[in-house]
């Protein structure tokens, strides 16, 4: 009988520590309805919300 590999999961605490070291967090507040519209548009285009924000920041910084 083949030995089963033990599945491991990285704890949320470990992920959170890594993310805190590797990333900055930006919070955005938009008018009611705009957030849902943004989420729907991202879903339609098959892109992540973070990808759109990151691209906008990169373009802004390149100016």
N, C-alpha and C. Protein backbone atom coordinates (compact mmCIF):
# COMPACT_ATOMS: atom_id res chain seq x y z
N UNK A 1 0.84 -1.19 0.00
CA UNK A 1 0.00 0.00 0.00
C UNK A 1 0.88 1.24 0.00
N UNK A 2 0.57 2.18 -0.86
CA UNK A 2 1.36 3.40 -0.96
C UNK A 2 1.10 4.30 0.25
N UNK A 3 2.18 4.95 0.66
CA UNK A 3 2.07 5.86 1.79
C UNK A 3 1.36 7.13 1.36
N UNK A 4 0.40 7.61 2.15
CA UNK A 4 -0.30 8.85 1.83
C UNK A 4 0.53 10.03 2.30
N UNK A 5 0.61 11.05 1.43
CA UNK A 5 1.31 12.26 1.83
C UNK A 5 0.42 13.07 2.74
N UNK A 6 1.02 13.61 3.75
CA UNK A 6 0.28 14.44 4.69
C UNK A 6 0.13 15.84 4.09
N UNK A 7 -1.10 16.32 4.05
CA UNK A 7 -1.35 17.66 3.52
C UNK A 7 -1.14 18.66 4.65
N UNK A 8 -0.45 19.73 4.34
CA UNK A 8 -0.24 20.78 5.33
C UNK A 8 -0.83 22.07 4.82
N UNK A 9 -1.22 22.91 5.75
CA UNK A 9 -1.76 24.21 5.40
C UNK A 9 -0.95 25.27 6.12
N UNK A 10 -0.66 26.34 5.40
CA UNK A 10 0.04 27.45 6.02
C UNK A 10 -0.98 28.22 6.84
N UNK A 11 -0.64 28.49 8.08
CA UNK A 11 -1.58 29.18 8.95
C UNK A 11 -1.79 30.62 8.50
N UNK A 12 -2.94 31.15 8.83
CA UNK A 12 -3.25 32.54 8.49
C UNK A 12 -2.25 33.48 9.14
N UNK A 13 -1.81 33.16 10.34
CA UNK A 13 -0.85 34.01 11.04
C UNK A 13 0.46 34.10 10.25
N UNK A 14 0.92 33.00 9.70
CA UNK A 14 2.15 32.99 8.91
C UNK A 14 1.96 33.81 7.64
N UNK A 15 0.83 33.62 6.97
CA UNK A 15 0.55 34.39 5.76
C UNK A 15 0.48 35.87 6.06
N UNK A 16 -0.18 36.23 7.16
CA UNK A 16 -0.31 37.63 7.54
C UNK A 16 1.05 38.26 7.84
N UNK A 17 1.94 37.52 8.52
CA UNK A 17 3.28 38.04 8.80
C UNK A 17 4.04 38.29 7.50
N UNK A 18 3.95 37.35 6.58
CA UNK A 18 4.63 37.52 5.29
C UNK A 18 4.07 38.73 4.54
N UNK A 19 2.74 38.82 4.45
CA UNK A 19 2.12 39.93 3.73
C UNK A 19 2.48 41.27 4.34
N UNK A 20 2.59 41.33 5.66
CA UNK A 20 2.95 42.58 6.33
C UNK A 20 4.37 43.01 5.95
N UNK A 21 5.28 42.02 5.80
CA UNK A 21 6.66 42.33 5.42
C UNK A 21 6.78 42.68 3.94
N UNK A 22 6.01 42.01 3.09
CA UNK A 22 6.21 42.09 1.65
C UNK A 22 5.35 43.14 0.95
N UNK A 23 4.27 43.58 1.58
CA UNK A 23 3.33 44.45 0.89
C UNK A 23 2.93 45.64 1.75
N UNK A 24 2.56 46.73 1.07
CA UNK A 24 1.91 47.87 1.72
C UNK A 24 0.42 47.75 1.44
N UNK A 25 -0.38 48.24 2.35
CA UNK A 25 -1.83 48.18 2.19
C UNK A 25 -2.34 49.59 1.89
N UNK A 26 -3.21 49.68 0.88
CA UNK A 26 -3.84 50.94 0.51
C UNK A 26 -5.35 50.72 0.60
N UNK A 27 -6.02 51.58 1.32
CA UNK A 27 -7.47 51.50 1.46
C UNK A 27 -8.12 52.63 0.67
N UNK A 28 -9.18 52.32 -0.06
CA UNK A 28 -9.85 53.31 -0.89
C UNK A 28 -11.33 53.34 -0.53
N UNK A 29 -11.87 54.54 -0.42
CA UNK A 29 -13.30 54.73 -0.17
C UNK A 29 -13.89 55.39 -1.40
N UNK A 30 -14.96 54.79 -1.95
CA UNK A 30 -15.60 55.32 -3.15
C UNK A 30 -17.09 55.51 -2.87
N UNK A 31 -17.77 56.32 -3.68
CA UNK A 31 -19.20 56.54 -3.49
C UNK A 31 -20.00 55.24 -3.61
N UNK A 32 -21.13 55.20 -2.92
CA UNK A 32 -22.02 54.03 -2.98
C UNK A 32 -22.28 53.65 -4.42
N UNK A 33 -22.27 52.38 -4.70
CA UNK A 33 -22.55 51.87 -6.04
C UNK A 33 -21.31 51.72 -6.90
N UNK A 34 -20.34 52.60 -6.72
CA UNK A 34 -19.13 52.53 -7.54
C UNK A 34 -18.33 51.26 -7.22
N UNK A 35 -18.29 50.89 -5.96
CA UNK A 35 -17.55 49.69 -5.57
C UNK A 35 -18.12 48.44 -6.22
N UNK A 36 -19.44 48.31 -6.21
CA UNK A 36 -20.08 47.15 -6.82
C UNK A 36 -19.88 47.16 -8.33
N UNK A 37 -19.98 48.33 -8.93
CA UNK A 37 -19.76 48.46 -10.37
C UNK A 37 -18.33 48.05 -10.73
N UNK A 38 -17.37 48.46 -9.90
CA UNK A 38 -15.96 48.11 -10.10
C UNK A 38 -15.77 46.59 -10.02
N UNK A 39 -16.37 45.97 -9.00
CA UNK A 39 -16.26 44.51 -8.84
C UNK A 39 -16.84 43.78 -10.05
N UNK A 40 -18.01 44.23 -10.52
CA UNK A 40 -18.65 43.59 -11.66
C UNK A 40 -17.81 43.73 -12.93
N UNK A 41 -17.27 44.91 -13.15
CA UNK A 41 -16.45 45.16 -14.34
C UNK A 41 -15.19 44.28 -14.32
N UNK A 42 -14.57 44.17 -13.14
CA UNK A 42 -13.39 43.31 -13.01
C UNK A 42 -13.75 41.86 -13.33
N UNK A 43 -14.89 41.41 -12.82
CA UNK A 43 -15.34 40.04 -13.08
C UNK A 43 -15.60 39.83 -14.57
N UNK A 44 -16.24 40.80 -15.21
CA UNK A 44 -16.52 40.71 -16.65
C UNK A 44 -15.24 40.59 -17.46
N UNK A 45 -14.23 41.36 -17.06
CA UNK A 45 -12.96 41.37 -17.79
C UNK A 45 -12.02 40.24 -17.36
N UNK A 46 -12.36 39.56 -16.26
CA UNK A 46 -11.52 38.47 -15.78
C UNK A 46 -10.21 38.93 -15.17
N UNK A 47 -10.24 40.10 -14.54
CA UNK A 47 -9.04 40.63 -13.89
C UNK A 47 -9.32 40.83 -12.40
N UNK A 48 -8.26 40.79 -11.61
CA UNK A 48 -8.45 40.99 -10.17
C UNK A 48 -8.54 42.48 -9.87
N UNK A 49 -9.25 42.80 -8.80
CA UNK A 49 -9.37 44.19 -8.37
C UNK A 49 -7.99 44.75 -8.03
N UNK A 50 -7.19 43.96 -7.36
CA UNK A 50 -5.85 44.39 -6.97
C UNK A 50 -5.00 44.70 -8.20
N UNK A 51 -5.16 43.92 -9.25
CA UNK A 51 -4.38 44.13 -10.48
C UNK A 51 -4.70 45.51 -11.07
N UNK A 52 -5.96 45.90 -11.07
CA UNK A 52 -6.37 47.19 -11.63
C UNK A 52 -5.79 48.33 -10.80
N UNK A 53 -5.88 48.21 -9.47
CA UNK A 53 -5.36 49.26 -8.59
C UNK A 53 -3.85 49.36 -8.74
N UNK A 54 -3.17 48.21 -8.76
CA UNK A 54 -1.71 48.21 -8.90
C UNK A 54 -1.30 48.88 -10.21
N UNK A 55 -2.00 48.57 -11.29
CA UNK A 55 -1.69 49.17 -12.60
C UNK A 55 -1.88 50.69 -12.55
N UNK A 56 -2.95 51.16 -11.91
CA UNK A 56 -3.21 52.59 -11.82
C UNK A 56 -2.11 53.28 -11.01
N UNK A 57 -1.66 52.66 -9.93
CA UNK A 57 -0.59 53.23 -9.11
C UNK A 57 0.71 53.28 -9.91
N UNK A 58 1.02 52.20 -10.62
CA UNK A 58 2.24 52.17 -11.43
C UNK A 58 2.23 53.27 -12.49
N UNK A 59 1.09 53.44 -13.16
CA UNK A 59 0.98 54.50 -14.18
C UNK A 59 1.14 55.88 -13.55
N UNK A 60 0.55 56.09 -12.39
CA UNK A 60 0.64 57.36 -11.71
C UNK A 60 2.09 57.66 -11.31
N UNK A 61 2.78 56.66 -10.78
CA UNK A 61 4.17 56.84 -10.35
C UNK A 61 5.12 57.07 -11.52
N UNK A 62 4.75 56.56 -12.69
CA UNK A 62 5.62 56.70 -13.86
C UNK A 62 5.55 58.11 -14.47
N UNK A 63 4.59 58.90 -14.05
CA UNK A 63 4.44 60.27 -14.60
C UNK A 63 5.54 61.16 -14.14
